[in-house]
């Protein structure tokens, strides 16, 4: 889990704001269970379930 407002290693620059607003932000399921859309040029997910922490 990220440290207070810290973005975990490997996360792109588009995500600092959600991590700053929700310091306990975490995946709601194992990363191995995320399903990618079948698009060759992008790494899109069907869904990204998260826990906001608390």
C-alpha atoms as a PDB file:
ATOM      1  CA  UNK A   1       0.000   0.000   0.000  1.00  0.00           C
ATOM      2  CA  UNK A   2       1.317   3.494  -0.814  1.00  0.00           C
ATOM      3  CA  UNK A   3       2.769   5.691   1.898  1.00  0.00           C
ATOM      4  CA  UNK A   4       0.718   8.764   2.717  1.00  0.00           C
ATOM      5  CA  UNK A   5       0.215  10.402  -0.683  1.00  0.00           C
ATOM      6  CA  UNK A   6       3.166   8.569  -2.242  1.00  0.00           C
ATOM      7  CA  UNK A   7       2.764   7.002  -5.663  1.00  0.00           C
ATOM      8  CA  UNK A   8       4.012   3.393  -5.748  1.00  0.00           C
ATOM      9  CA  UNK A   9       6.996   2.548  -7.982  1.00  0.00           C
ATOM     10  CA  UNK A  10       6.069   1.852 -11.598  1.00  0.00           C
ATOM     11  CA  UNK A  11       2.901   3.980 -11.592  1.00  0.00           C
ATOM     12  CA  UNK A  12       2.789   6.555 -14.390  1.00  0.00           C
ATOM     13  CA  UNK A  13       2.575  10.319 -13.982  1.00  0.00           C
ATOM     14  CA  UNK A  14      -1.184  10.368 -14.598  1.00  0.00           C
ATOM     15  CA  UNK A  15      -1.933   8.952 -11.145  1.00  0.00           C
ATOM     16  CA  UNK A  16      -0.340  11.206  -8.477  1.00  0.00           C
ATOM     17  CA  UNK A  17      -3.552  13.190  -7.850  1.00  0.00           C
ATOM     18  CA  UNK A  18      -5.718  10.189  -6.872  1.00  0.00           C
ATOM     19  CA  UNK A  19      -2.948   8.888  -4.584  1.00  0.00           C
ATOM     20  CA  UNK A  20      -2.622  12.316  -2.966  1.00  0.00           C
ATOM     21  CA  UNK A  21      -6.386  12.580  -2.390  1.00  0.00           C
ATOM     22  CA  UNK A  22      -6.830   8.958  -1.278  1.00  0.00           C
ATOM     23  CA  UNK A  23      -3.560   7.915   0.457  1.00  0.00           C
ATOM     24  CA  UNK A  24      -4.934   4.409   1.112  1.00  0.00           C
ATOM     25  CA  UNK A  25      -5.785   3.808  -2.574  1.00  0.00           C
ATOM     26  CA  UNK A  26      -5.152   0.176  -3.469  1.00  0.00           C
ATOM     27  CA  UNK A  27      -6.332  -2.463  -5.941  1.00  0.00           C
ATOM     28  CA  UNK A  28      -9.492  -4.251  -4.792  1.00  0.00           C
ATOM     29  CA  UNK A  29      -8.239  -7.537  -6.249  1.00  0.00           C
ATOM     30  CA  UNK A  30      -4.886  -9.080  -7.173  1.00  0.00           C
ATOM     31  CA  UNK A  31      -3.223  -7.505 -10.233  1.00  0.00           C
ATOM     32  CA  UNK A  32      -3.179 -10.956 -11.843  1.00  0.00           C
ATOM     33  CA  UNK A  33      -6.997 -10.822 -12.021  1.00  0.00           C
ATOM     34  CA  UNK A  34      -7.143  -7.579 -14.052  1.00  0.00           C
ATOM     35  CA  UNK A  35      -8.412  -8.173 -17.611  1.00  0.00           C
ATOM     36  CA  UNK A  36      -6.956  -6.252 -20.536  1.00  0.00           C
ATOM     37  CA  UNK A  37      -9.041  -5.258 -23.527  1.00  0.00           C
ATOM     38  CA  UNK A  38      -7.901  -6.962 -26.738  1.00  0.00           C
ATOM     39  CA  UNK A  39      -6.288  -3.845 -28.244  1.00  0.00           C
ATOM     40  CA  UNK A  40      -2.764  -4.293 -29.575  1.00  0.00           C
ATOM     41  CA  UNK A  41      -1.664  -0.642 -29.411  1.00  0.00           C
ATOM     42  CA  UNK A  42      -2.953   0.151 -25.907  1.00  0.00           C
ATOM     43  CA  UNK A  43      -2.933  -1.366 -22.455  1.00  0.00           C
ATOM     44  CA  UNK A  44      -6.595  -0.680 -21.599  1.00  0.00           C
ATOM     45  CA  UNK A  45      -8.414  -2.539 -18.846  1.00  0.00           C
ATOM     46  CA  UNK A  46     -12.065  -3.566 -18.817  1.00  0.00           C
ATOM     47  CA  UNK A  47     -12.268  -2.245 -15.260  1.00  0.00           C
ATOM     48  CA  UNK A  48      -9.970  -1.090 -12.465  1.00  0.00           C
ATOM     49  CA  UNK A  49     -11.575  -1.878  -9.109  1.00  0.00           C
ATOM     50  CA  UNK A  50      -9.941   0.000  -6.233  1.00  0.00           C
ATOM     51  CA  UNK A  51     -10.336   0.507  -2.483  1.00  0.00           C
ATOM     52  CA  UNK A  52     -10.107   4.112  -1.358  1.00  0.00           C
ATOM     53  CA  UNK A  53      -8.781   3.181   2.071  1.00  0.00           C
ATOM     54  CA  UNK A  54      -9.859   4.905   5.132  1.00  0.00           C
END
